[in-house]
Amino acid sequence: MPNQFKIEFLKQLEKRFGKLKRLPNSKSLLEIGDGLARIYVRYSTVLKGKRTFYGLRKEDLRQLEGFNSILCFLWSDQAEPVFIPFADFEDIFNSLTPASDGQFKAQIYQDDGTELYIANAGRFNIEGYVGWQNLDTLIDASRVVDVPDFSHPQIQTFLGSIGALKGYDIWIPQNDRSKLDWSLAAHFSCRNEVPSPSELIASLVREIDVIWIPRGSGDFKALFEVEHSTPVYSGLLRFNDLHLLMPYLKPKFSVVSNDGRRSLFQRQINRPTFKTSGLIEACTFLNYKDVFNWFNRIRRGQTS
C-alpha cells in the first residue's frame, strides 16, 4: 500500500514546483522545477527511541553527483521535512563502502535537536536543515543568506542562547563570558558553577565551551566544543575523557566548527580509540552555518 505521508509530501512538492519528473532506475529520485534540482526522497516510520532508519542506495547517490541535489528525509508525524544539500556530505559518502545490499545505512535521532547518523562515518547535527524554507533557499540562489565569518565567542553566544530558549541553564567558562556578543542574541544568565560528582570531572567540565544543564538537575544535557582554530582532535579527547568518566549520564557531545572540517571530524571520530570507547555513537558534528540557522529557527518559534 502506498505510504500516505509520502503521498502528501509529493503533492505539496508538486504544488510548489510543478510537475515532478522521476529519474530512471529509481523509485525515490525526483527532478523538480524542470531541472532546477534533484531530490532523493527517503521515508521511515518512527521507532523506539525517536529513531528513524534509512537506506541510501549507492547507485541513486551517483545520479546526484554534478547536479544541484538534495537529500530529503521524511518520517511519520513530522512537522516539516529535512532537506540536506548532497554536496555537504558527498565527500563522506565517497569515503565509505556500502553494505552488502549496496546501501549506506543512516538513522535520524530526535532529542533537543535533529541528528543524522551515517554508519561508519559518525553523527552530524542537521537541525539547520529542517523546514520548507530551507528547500526554497537551496533551489533559489537569490534566497541564499550570506552567513558571516563568526568568531569563537559569537558561536558560543548562539549556542548559549539556543539552550536558554529551550529552558536549560547555561555554562560558559568564566573567562569567555565577557567576550559574548549580545548584539546577536538576548542576554541570558550563566551558572556560577557546574554540577559534578568529583573535582576531577569538574576541572574537565569547566573548560567546555558551552553546556546545557537541565534546571534543578545535576545532569548534563549537551556539551559543545567550538574548534575555531584549535585541532578537532583536542576536543574529541576532552569529550572522550568525560564520556569514560560519566557513562551513567549519557549527554550529547558536539564538535562545532566550520563546514570545511566536517570530513576531518569524520576521519578523527573513526579512530579505533573513539570506536572502542563508544564516543563515536555519542558525538556529533555541527557547523557554524547550522548553528546560525538553528538559532534563527528557535528564535522565530519563540516570537511567533
Protein backbone atom coordinates (compact mmCIF):
# COMPACT_ATOMS: atom_id res chain seq x y z
CA MET A 1 0.00 0.00 0.00
CA PRO A 2 1.42 3.45 -0.88
CA ASN A 3 2.58 5.49 2.11
CA GLN A 4 0.05 8.27 2.70
CA PHE A 5 2.57 10.55 4.39
CA LYS A 6 4.92 10.37 1.41
CA ILE A 7 1.99 10.87 -0.98
CA GLU A 8 1.00 14.11 0.79
CA PHE A 9 4.63 15.28 0.69
CA LEU A 10 4.83 14.71 -3.06
CA LYS A 11 1.55 16.61 -3.55
CA GLN A 12 2.98 19.55 -1.63
CA LEU A 13 6.19 19.37 -3.65
CA GLU A 14 4.25 19.40 -6.93
CA LYS A 15 2.06 22.27 -5.73
CA ARG A 16 5.18 24.34 -5.05
CA PHE A 17 7.32 23.43 -8.08
CA GLY A 18 5.05 21.98 -10.74
CA LYS A 19 5.05 18.54 -12.31
CA LEU A 20 7.63 16.14 -10.88
CA LYS A 21 9.90 14.07 -13.08
CA ARG A 22 11.05 10.64 -11.87
CA LEU A 23 14.61 9.74 -12.75
CA PRO A 24 15.32 6.35 -14.33
CA ASN A 25 16.10 3.18 -12.34
CA SER A 26 14.91 4.59 -9.03
CA LYS A 27 11.65 4.92 -7.13
CA SER A 28 12.95 7.73 -4.95
CA LEU A 29 14.82 10.14 -7.23
CA LEU A 30 12.91 13.17 -8.50
CA GLU A 31 13.67 16.22 -10.60
CA ILE A 32 11.77 19.41 -9.76
CA GLY A 33 11.31 22.76 -11.49
CA ASP A 34 12.24 21.45 -14.96
CA GLY A 35 15.82 20.64 -13.97
CA LEU A 36 16.10 23.14 -11.10
CA ALA A 37 17.12 20.46 -8.60
CA ARG A 38 17.24 16.72 -7.96
CA ILE A 39 15.73 15.35 -4.75
CA TYR A 40 16.36 11.92 -3.21
CA VAL A 41 13.31 11.21 -1.00
CA ARG A 42 13.60 8.67 1.83
CA TYR A 43 10.86 7.77 4.33
CA SER A 44 10.82 5.91 7.66
CA THR A 45 8.38 5.27 10.46
CA VAL A 46 9.47 6.44 13.90
CA LEU A 47 10.81 3.59 16.03
CA LYS A 48 11.70 3.25 19.71
CA GLY A 49 13.96 6.00 20.99
CA LYS A 50 12.66 8.54 18.44
CA ARG A 51 14.83 6.96 15.75
CA THR A 52 14.23 6.53 12.05
CA PHE A 53 16.13 4.23 9.69
CA TYR A 54 17.04 4.77 6.03
CA GLY A 55 18.93 3.03 3.27
CA LEU A 56 20.64 5.21 0.67
CA ARG A 57 21.49 3.31 -2.49
CA LYS A 58 24.94 3.97 -3.89
CA GLU A 59 23.58 3.90 -7.46
CA ASP A 60 20.98 6.52 -6.51
CA LEU A 61 23.57 8.80 -4.95
CA ARG A 62 25.64 8.59 -8.14
CA GLN A 63 22.77 10.21 -10.03
CA LEU A 64 23.02 13.22 -7.68
CA GLU A 65 26.65 13.96 -8.48
CA GLY A 66 27.26 17.10 -10.52
CA PHE A 67 23.72 18.46 -10.04
CA ASN A 68 22.03 20.77 -7.56
CA SER A 69 20.96 17.81 -5.45
CA ILE A 70 19.14 17.46 -2.15
CA LEU A 71 18.66 14.59 0.30
CA CYS A 72 15.14 14.65 1.75
CA PHE A 73 14.29 12.66 4.90
CA LEU A 74 10.68 12.06 5.90
CA TRP A 75 9.13 10.30 8.88
CA SER A 76 5.64 9.82 10.28
CA ASP A 77 4.10 12.74 12.22
CA GLN A 78 6.90 15.02 11.03
CA ALA A 79 6.30 18.76 11.46
CA GLU A 80 8.43 19.67 8.41
CA PRO A 81 10.76 17.69 6.12
CA VAL A 82 14.54 17.71 6.34
CA PHE A 83 16.35 18.94 3.20
CA ILE A 84 20.13 18.44 3.12
CA PRO A 85 22.34 19.61 0.24
CA PHE A 86 24.03 16.48 -1.08
CA ALA A 87 27.26 18.40 -1.65
CA ASP A 88 27.68 18.81 2.12
CA PHE A 89 28.01 15.03 2.54
CA GLU A 90 29.27 13.89 -0.88
CA ASP A 91 32.89 13.51 0.27
CA ILE A 92 31.78 11.45 3.26
CA PHE A 93 29.73 9.01 1.17
CA ASN A 94 32.59 8.73 -1.32
CA SER A 95 34.91 7.69 1.51
CA LEU A 96 32.61 4.86 2.65
CA THR A 97 31.86 1.35 1.42
CA PRO A 98 28.15 0.50 1.26
CA ALA A 99 26.67 -2.57 2.94
CA SER A 100 26.32 -5.85 1.03
CA ASP A 101 22.93 -4.71 -0.34
CA GLY A 102 24.55 -1.66 -1.97
CA GLN A 103 23.10 0.83 0.54
CA PHE A 104 24.59 3.25 3.02
CA LYS A 105 22.75 2.87 6.33
CA ALA A 106 21.56 6.03 8.07
CA GLN A 107 19.47 6.94 11.09
CA ILE A 108 17.96 10.17 12.38
CA TYR A 109 17.65 10.85 16.11
CA GLN A 110 15.36 13.50 17.59
CA ASP A 111 16.06 14.83 21.08
CA ASP A 112 16.56 18.59 21.54
CA GLY A 113 17.94 18.71 18.05
CA THR A 114 17.91 16.56 14.93
CA GLU A 115 20.94 14.37 14.24
CA LEU A 116 21.90 12.27 11.23
CA TYR A 117 23.94 9.14 11.92
CA ILE A 118 25.74 7.57 8.96
CA ALA A 119 27.11 4.10 9.64
CA ASN A 120 30.93 4.05 9.79
CA ALA A 121 31.06 7.85 9.49
CA GLY A 122 29.55 9.32 12.67
CA ARG A 123 26.83 11.70 13.82
CA PHE A 124 26.05 15.11 12.32
CA ASN A 125 23.66 17.73 13.69
CA ILE A 126 21.18 18.63 10.94
CA GLU A 127 18.86 20.94 12.86
CA GLY A 128 19.70 23.76 10.46
CA TYR A 129 18.34 21.74 7.52
CA VAL A 130 14.75 21.40 8.80
CA GLY A 131 11.86 23.12 7.02
CA TRP A 132 10.41 24.00 3.63
CA GLN A 133 12.14 27.39 3.71
CA ASN A 134 15.45 25.51 3.55
CA LEU A 135 14.40 23.85 0.29
CA ASP A 136 13.39 27.25 -1.12
CA THR A 137 16.88 28.52 -0.33
CA LEU A 138 18.65 25.51 -1.81
CA ILE A 139 16.92 25.79 -5.19
CA ASP A 140 16.86 29.58 -5.47
CA ALA A 141 20.25 31.26 -5.23
CA SER A 142 18.58 34.64 -4.74
CA ARG A 143 17.32 33.41 -1.36
CA VAL A 144 20.74 32.39 -0.06
CA VAL A 145 21.66 34.19 3.15
CA ASP A 146 25.33 35.09 3.25
CA VAL A 147 26.47 33.77 6.64
CA PRO A 148 29.22 35.94 8.17
CA ASP A 149 32.54 34.55 9.38
CA PHE A 150 31.54 34.15 13.00
CA SER A 151 34.11 34.21 15.79
CA HIS A 152 34.51 31.67 18.58
CA PRO A 153 32.65 33.87 21.15
CA GLN A 154 29.83 34.57 18.70
CA ILE A 155 29.21 30.84 18.20
CA GLN A 156 29.24 30.44 21.99
CA THR A 157 26.62 33.21 22.15
CA PHE A 158 24.36 31.42 19.65
CA LEU A 159 24.69 28.03 21.38
CA GLY A 160 24.06 29.53 24.81
CA SER A 161 21.01 31.37 23.52
CA ILE A 162 19.56 28.24 21.87
CA GLY A 163 19.90 26.35 25.15
CA ALA A 164 18.40 29.20 27.17
CA LEU A 165 15.43 29.46 24.78
CA LYS A 166 14.92 25.72 25.25
CA GLY A 167 14.78 26.21 29.03
CA TYR A 168 18.21 24.97 30.09
CA ASP A 169 20.71 26.50 32.47
CA ILE A 170 23.85 27.54 30.62
CA TRP A 171 27.51 27.10 31.49
CA ILE A 172 30.18 29.05 29.63
CA PRO A 173 33.72 29.33 31.07
CA GLN A 174 34.16 32.38 33.28
CA ASN A 175 36.97 33.81 31.13
CA ASP A 176 34.79 33.67 27.99
CA ARG A 177 31.69 35.44 29.31
CA SER A 178 32.93 38.98 28.80
CA LYS A 179 33.53 38.18 25.12
CA LEU A 180 29.96 37.06 24.34
CA ASP A 181 28.26 39.16 21.64
CA TRP A 182 24.96 40.49 23.00
CA SER A 183 24.26 42.29 19.73
CA LEU A 184 23.35 38.87 18.30
CA ALA A 185 21.05 37.49 20.99
CA ALA A 186 19.06 38.46 24.06
CA HIS A 187 21.10 38.35 27.25
CA PHE A 188 20.99 35.06 29.15
CA SER A 189 22.47 34.21 32.53
CA CYS A 190 25.22 31.66 33.06
CA ARG A 191 25.58 29.34 36.01
CA ASN A 192 28.29 30.17 38.51
CA GLU A 193 29.32 26.55 38.94
CA VAL A 194 28.88 23.22 37.17
CA PRO A 195 27.28 20.19 38.85
CA SER A 196 29.85 17.44 39.34
CA PRO A 197 30.35 14.32 41.45
CA SER A 198 34.10 14.92 41.69
CA GLU A 199 36.71 17.65 41.35
CA LEU A 200 38.39 15.71 38.52
CA ILE A 201 35.22 15.83 36.43
CA ALA A 202 34.53 19.44 37.42
CA SER A 203 38.01 20.52 36.29
CA LEU A 204 37.37 18.99 32.86
CA VAL A 205 33.82 20.27 32.53
CA ARG A 206 34.72 23.87 33.40
CA GLU A 207 36.79 24.05 30.21
CA ILE A 208 33.92 23.05 27.90
CA ASP A 209 32.84 25.97 25.69
CA VAL A 210 29.06 25.63 26.20
CA ILE A 211 26.99 23.25 28.34
CA TRP A 212 23.21 22.86 28.60
CA ILE A 213 22.13 21.77 32.09
CA PRO A 214 18.53 20.77 32.93
CA ARG A 215 17.27 23.16 35.60
CA GLY A 216 17.19 21.66 39.07
CA SER A 217 19.32 18.73 37.93
CA GLY A 218 22.89 17.55 38.35
CA ASP A 219 22.92 16.16 34.81
CA PHE A 220 24.38 17.49 31.59
CA LYS A 221 22.09 17.56 28.54
CA ALA A 222 24.56 18.71 25.88
CA LEU A 223 28.21 19.76 25.71
CA PHE A 224 29.69 21.79 22.84
CA GLU A 225 33.35 22.33 21.96
CA VAL A 226 33.91 25.14 19.44
CA GLU A 227 37.04 24.27 17.47
CA HIS A 228 37.61 27.58 15.71
CA SER A 229 41.38 27.35 15.30
CA THR A 230 42.28 24.50 17.65
CA PRO A 231 42.56 20.88 16.43
CA VAL A 232 39.32 18.87 16.25
CA TYR A 233 41.22 16.02 17.89
CA SER A 234 41.77 18.01 21.11
CA GLY A 235 38.03 18.48 21.58
CA LEU A 236 37.39 14.79 20.93
CA LEU A 237 39.98 13.79 23.53
CA ARG A 238 38.34 16.03 26.15
CA PHE A 239 34.94 14.58 25.31
CA ASN A 240 36.37 11.05 25.44
CA ASP A 241 37.66 11.60 28.98
CA LEU A 242 34.24 12.82 30.12
CA HIS A 243 32.46 10.03 28.26
CA LEU A 244 34.54 7.45 30.12
CA LEU A 245 34.18 9.21 33.49
CA MET A 246 30.41 9.82 33.19
CA PRO A 247 28.94 6.77 31.38
CA TYR A 248 25.81 7.00 33.53
CA LEU A 249 24.83 10.49 32.31
CA LYS A 250 24.95 9.92 28.52
CA PRO A 251 24.98 13.60 27.46
CA LYS A 252 25.26 14.75 23.86
CA PHE A 253 28.71 15.83 22.74
CA SER A 254 29.09 18.17 19.76
CA VAL A 255 32.21 19.38 17.98
CA VAL A 256 31.36 22.75 16.41
CA SER A 257 33.47 24.11 13.57
CA ASN A 258 33.35 25.45 10.02
CA ASP A 259 32.00 23.17 7.31
CA GLY A 260 35.44 22.53 5.83
CA ARG A 261 36.24 20.42 8.89
CA ARG A 262 33.31 18.02 8.55
CA SER A 263 35.43 15.42 6.71
CA LEU A 264 38.25 15.86 9.23
CA PHE A 265 35.80 15.18 12.06
CA GLN A 266 34.62 12.03 10.26
CA ARG A 267 38.19 10.73 9.97
CA GLN A 268 39.08 11.55 13.57
CA ILE A 269 35.92 10.17 15.21
CA ASN A 270 36.51 6.87 13.40
CA ARG A 271 39.86 6.33 15.13
CA PRO A 272 39.96 2.98 16.99
CA THR A 273 40.17 4.71 20.39
CA PHE A 274 36.85 6.52 19.89
CA LYS A 275 35.18 3.42 18.42
CA THR A 276 36.32 1.35 21.41
CA SER A 277 35.17 3.93 23.98
CA GLY A 278 31.82 4.41 22.22
CA LEU A 279 32.30 8.17 21.72
CA ILE A 280 31.56 7.69 18.01
CA GLU A 281 27.95 6.90 18.99
CA ALA A 282 27.61 9.92 21.30
CA CYS A 283 29.38 12.75 19.46
CA THR A 284 28.04 14.86 16.58
CA PHE A 285 29.49 17.44 14.21
CA LEU A 286 27.77 20.83 13.97
CA ASN A 287 28.94 23.53 11.58
CA TYR A 288 28.68 27.29 12.07
CA LYS A 289 26.01 27.78 9.42
CA ASP A 290 23.81 25.16 11.08
CA VAL A 291 24.23 26.88 14.46
CA PHE A 292 23.15 30.17 12.87
CA ASN A 293 20.12 28.57 11.17
CA TRP A 294 19.17 26.65 14.32
CA PHE A 295 19.30 29.86 16.40
CA ASN A 296 17.11 31.72 13.92
CA ARG A 297 14.57 28.89 13.77
CA ILE A 298 14.34 28.61 17.56
CA ARG A 299 14.06 32.39 17.95
CA ARG A 300 11.29 32.57 15.32
CA GLY A 301 9.42 29.84 17.16
CA GLN A 302 9.66 31.76 20.44
CA THR A 303 8.41 35.03 18.93
CA SER A 304 5.73 33.75 16.51
